[in-house]
Amino acid sequence: MKVNTQSVNFNADQKLIDFVQKRMDKLDLFYDKVISSDVFLKVENTSDKENKIFEARVSVPGDSLVVKKQCKTFEEGVDMAVASLERQLKKRKEKLRPHL
């Protein structure tokens, strides 16, 4: 799957981008009709420890799924967002499956 990663207010290193790509690729296991995904990594200028925001927009035929997580680290945010997207994709797949 093509993952378009953008970092806001900082420069993301290649290790973080590869981590995001690897995690997002796992979504293909749950729903094979994913078209593309846009990922935004943001750092808020606050004194709060949870100042890292991970936002993902996954395009599927006829719709797009959006997940936004705010955590202490980007890795934690990625894991939480991907878990949420997995649930949404499974639910979508169940609705599309004809019930016998």
C-alpha atoms as a PDB file:
ATOM      1  CA  MET A   1       0.000   0.000   0.000  1.00  0.00           C
ATOM      2  CA  LYS A   2       1.222   3.500  -0.799  1.00  0.00           C
ATOM      3  CA  VAL A   3       1.607   5.515   2.402  1.00  0.00           C
ATOM      4  CA  ASN A   4       2.078   9.265   1.978  1.00  0.00           C
ATOM      5  CA  THR A   5       3.788  10.478   5.171  1.00  0.00           C
ATOM      6  CA  GLN A   6       4.036  14.147   6.095  1.00  0.00           C
ATOM      7  CA  SER A   7       5.667  15.562   9.208  1.00  0.00           C
ATOM      8  CA  VAL A   8       4.496  18.925  10.564  1.00  0.00           C
ATOM      9  CA  ASN A   9       6.691  21.208  12.734  1.00  0.00           C
ATOM     10  CA  PHE A  10       9.645  18.772  12.669  1.00  0.00           C
ATOM     11  CA  ASN A  11      11.708  16.559  10.354  1.00  0.00           C
ATOM     12  CA  ALA A  12      10.900  12.855  10.689  1.00  0.00           C
ATOM     13  CA  ASP A  13      13.868  10.505  10.436  1.00  0.00           C
ATOM     14  CA  GLN A  14      13.822   7.570   8.020  1.00  0.00           C
ATOM     15  CA  LYS A  15      13.492   5.054  10.866  1.00  0.00           C
ATOM     16  CA  LEU A  16      10.158   6.566  11.962  1.00  0.00           C
ATOM     17  CA  ILE A  17       8.862   6.719   8.371  1.00  0.00           C
ATOM     18  CA  ASP A  18       9.820   3.046   7.829  1.00  0.00           C
ATOM     19  CA  PHE A  19       8.060   2.110  11.089  1.00  0.00           C
ATOM     20  CA  VAL A  20       4.865   3.867   9.967  1.00  0.00           C
ATOM     21  CA  GLN A  21       5.054   2.190   6.529  1.00  0.00           C
ATOM     22  CA  LYS A  22       5.525  -1.269   8.082  1.00  0.00           C
ATOM     23  CA  ARG A  23       2.578  -0.852  10.479  1.00  0.00           C
ATOM     24  CA  MET A  24       0.255   0.560   7.816  1.00  0.00           C
ATOM     25  CA  ASP A  25       1.146  -2.299   5.435  1.00  0.00           C
ATOM     26  CA  LYS A  26      -0.411  -4.710   7.945  1.00  0.00           C
ATOM     27  CA  LEU A  27      -3.831  -3.196   7.200  1.00  0.00           C
ATOM     28  CA  ASP A  28      -3.774  -5.013   3.834  1.00  0.00           C
ATOM     29  CA  LEU A  29      -4.206  -8.274   5.770  1.00  0.00           C
ATOM     30  CA  PHE A  30      -7.621  -7.154   7.018  1.00  0.00           C
ATOM     31  CA  TYR A  31      -9.021  -5.437   3.928  1.00  0.00           C
ATOM     32  CA  ASP A  32      -7.404  -5.852   0.525  1.00  0.00           C
ATOM     33  CA  LYS A  33      -9.246  -2.987  -1.214  1.00  0.00           C
ATOM     34  CA  VAL A  34      -7.332  -0.164   0.510  1.00  0.00           C
ATOM     35  CA  ILE A  35      -6.423   2.408  -2.158  1.00  0.00           C
ATOM     36  CA  SER A  36      -3.974   4.667  -0.334  1.00  0.00           C
ATOM     37  CA  SER A  37      -3.292   6.308   2.976  1.00  0.00           C
ATOM     38  CA  ASP A  38      -2.133   9.738   4.095  1.00  0.00           C
ATOM     39  CA  VAL A  39      -0.295   9.987   7.403  1.00  0.00           C
ATOM     40  CA  PHE A  40       0.364  13.231   9.274  1.00  0.00           C
ATOM     41  CA  LEU A  41       2.865  13.367  12.129  1.00  0.00           C
ATOM     42  CA  LYS A  42       2.514  16.548  14.181  1.00  0.00           C
ATOM     43  CA  VAL A  43       4.256  17.976  17.230  1.00  0.00           C
ATOM     44  CA  GLU A  44       2.325  20.471  19.308  1.00  0.00           C
ATOM     45  CA  ASN A  45       4.247  23.237  21.053  1.00  0.00           C
ATOM     46  CA  THR A  46       2.902  22.606  24.543  1.00  0.00           C
ATOM     47  CA  SER A  47       4.453  21.693  27.873  1.00  0.00           C
ATOM     48  CA  ASP A  48       2.232  18.603  27.954  1.00  0.00           C
ATOM     49  CA  LYS A  49       4.101  15.275  27.571  1.00  0.00           C
ATOM     50  CA  GLU A  50       1.469  13.943  25.158  1.00  0.00           C
ATOM     51  CA  ASN A  51       2.295  16.438  22.427  1.00  0.00           C
ATOM     52  CA  LYS A  52       2.754  14.031  19.492  1.00  0.00           C
ATOM     53  CA  ILE A  53      -0.233  13.647  17.176  1.00  0.00           C
ATOM     54  CA  PHE A  54      -0.586  10.813  14.671  1.00  0.00           C
ATOM     55  CA  GLU A  55      -3.343  11.260  12.102  1.00  0.00           C
ATOM     56  CA  ALA A  56      -4.125   8.782   9.321  1.00  0.00           C
ATOM     57  CA  ARG A  57      -6.620   8.958   6.466  1.00  0.00           C
ATOM     58  CA  VAL A  58      -7.128   5.616   4.710  1.00  0.00           C
ATOM     59  CA  SER A  59      -8.948   5.647   1.361  1.00  0.00           C
ATOM     60  CA  VAL A  60     -11.155   2.677   0.544  1.00  0.00           C
ATOM     61  CA  PRO A  61     -13.642   2.418  -2.329  1.00  0.00           C
ATOM     62  CA  GLY A  62     -16.514   4.821  -1.657  1.00  0.00           C
ATOM     63  CA  ASP A  63     -15.245   6.123   1.674  1.00  0.00           C
ATOM     64  CA  SER A  64     -12.256   7.150   3.755  1.00  0.00           C
ATOM     65  CA  LEU A  65     -11.442   6.256   7.337  1.00  0.00           C
ATOM     66  CA  VAL A  66      -9.819   8.860   9.586  1.00  0.00           C
ATOM     67  CA  VAL A  67      -8.043   8.169  12.869  1.00  0.00           C
ATOM     68  CA  LYS A  68      -6.340  10.707  15.116  1.00  0.00           C
ATOM     69  CA  LYS A  69      -4.326   9.750  18.209  1.00  0.00           C
ATOM     70  CA  GLN A  70      -2.359  11.917  20.638  1.00  0.00           C
ATOM     71  CA  CYS A  71       0.397  10.193  22.633  1.00  0.00           C
ATOM     72  CA  LYS A  72       3.819  10.581  24.233  1.00  0.00           C
ATOM     73  CA  THR A  73       5.619   8.908  21.301  1.00  0.00           C
ATOM     74  CA  PHE A  74       4.789   8.504  17.636  1.00  0.00           C
ATOM     75  CA  GLU A  75       5.329   4.749  17.872  1.00  0.00           C
ATOM     76  CA  GLU A  76       2.615   4.467  20.548  1.00  0.00           C
ATOM     77  CA  GLY A  77       0.284   6.628  18.440  1.00  0.00           C
ATOM     78  CA  VAL A  78       0.907   4.512  15.340  1.00  0.00           C
ATOM     79  CA  ASP A  79       0.148   1.292  17.219  1.00  0.00           C
ATOM     80  CA  MET A  80      -3.087   2.657  18.691  1.00  0.00           C
ATOM     81  CA  ALA A  81      -4.247   4.140  15.371  1.00  0.00           C
ATOM     82  CA  VAL A  82      -3.496   0.981  13.385  1.00  0.00           C
ATOM     83  CA  ALA A  83      -5.416  -1.108  15.949  1.00  0.00           C
ATOM     84  CA  SER A  84      -8.371   1.254  15.567  1.00  0.00           C
ATOM     85  CA  LEU A  85      -8.164   1.099  11.763  1.00  0.00           C
ATOM     86  CA  GLU A  86      -8.035  -2.708  11.906  1.00  0.00           C
ATOM     87  CA  ARG A  87     -11.329  -2.745  13.819  1.00  0.00           C
ATOM     88  CA  GLN A  88     -12.940  -0.329  11.355  1.00  0.00           C
ATOM     89  CA  LEU A  89     -11.769  -2.332   8.329  1.00  0.00           C
ATOM     90  CA  LYS A  90     -12.984  -5.629   9.838  1.00  0.00           C
ATOM     91  CA  LYS A  91     -16.378  -4.059  10.547  1.00  0.00           C
ATOM     92  CA  ARG A  92     -16.570  -2.708   6.993  1.00  0.00           C
ATOM     93  CA  LYS A  93     -15.666  -6.097   5.536  1.00  0.00           C
ATOM     94  CA  GLU A  94     -18.375  -7.796   7.631  1.00  0.00           C
ATOM     95  CA  LYS A  95     -21.010  -5.360   6.335  1.00  0.00           C
ATOM     96  CA  LEU A  96     -20.014  -6.015   2.726  1.00  0.00           C
ATOM     97  CA  ARG A  97     -20.038  -9.803   3.100  1.00  0.00           C
ATOM     98  CA  PRO A  98     -23.375 -11.312   2.025  1.00  0.00           C
ATOM     99  CA  HIS A  99     -25.076 -13.034   4.953  1.00  0.00           C
ATOM    100  CA  LEU A 100     -26.319 -16.539   4.242  1.00  0.00           C
END
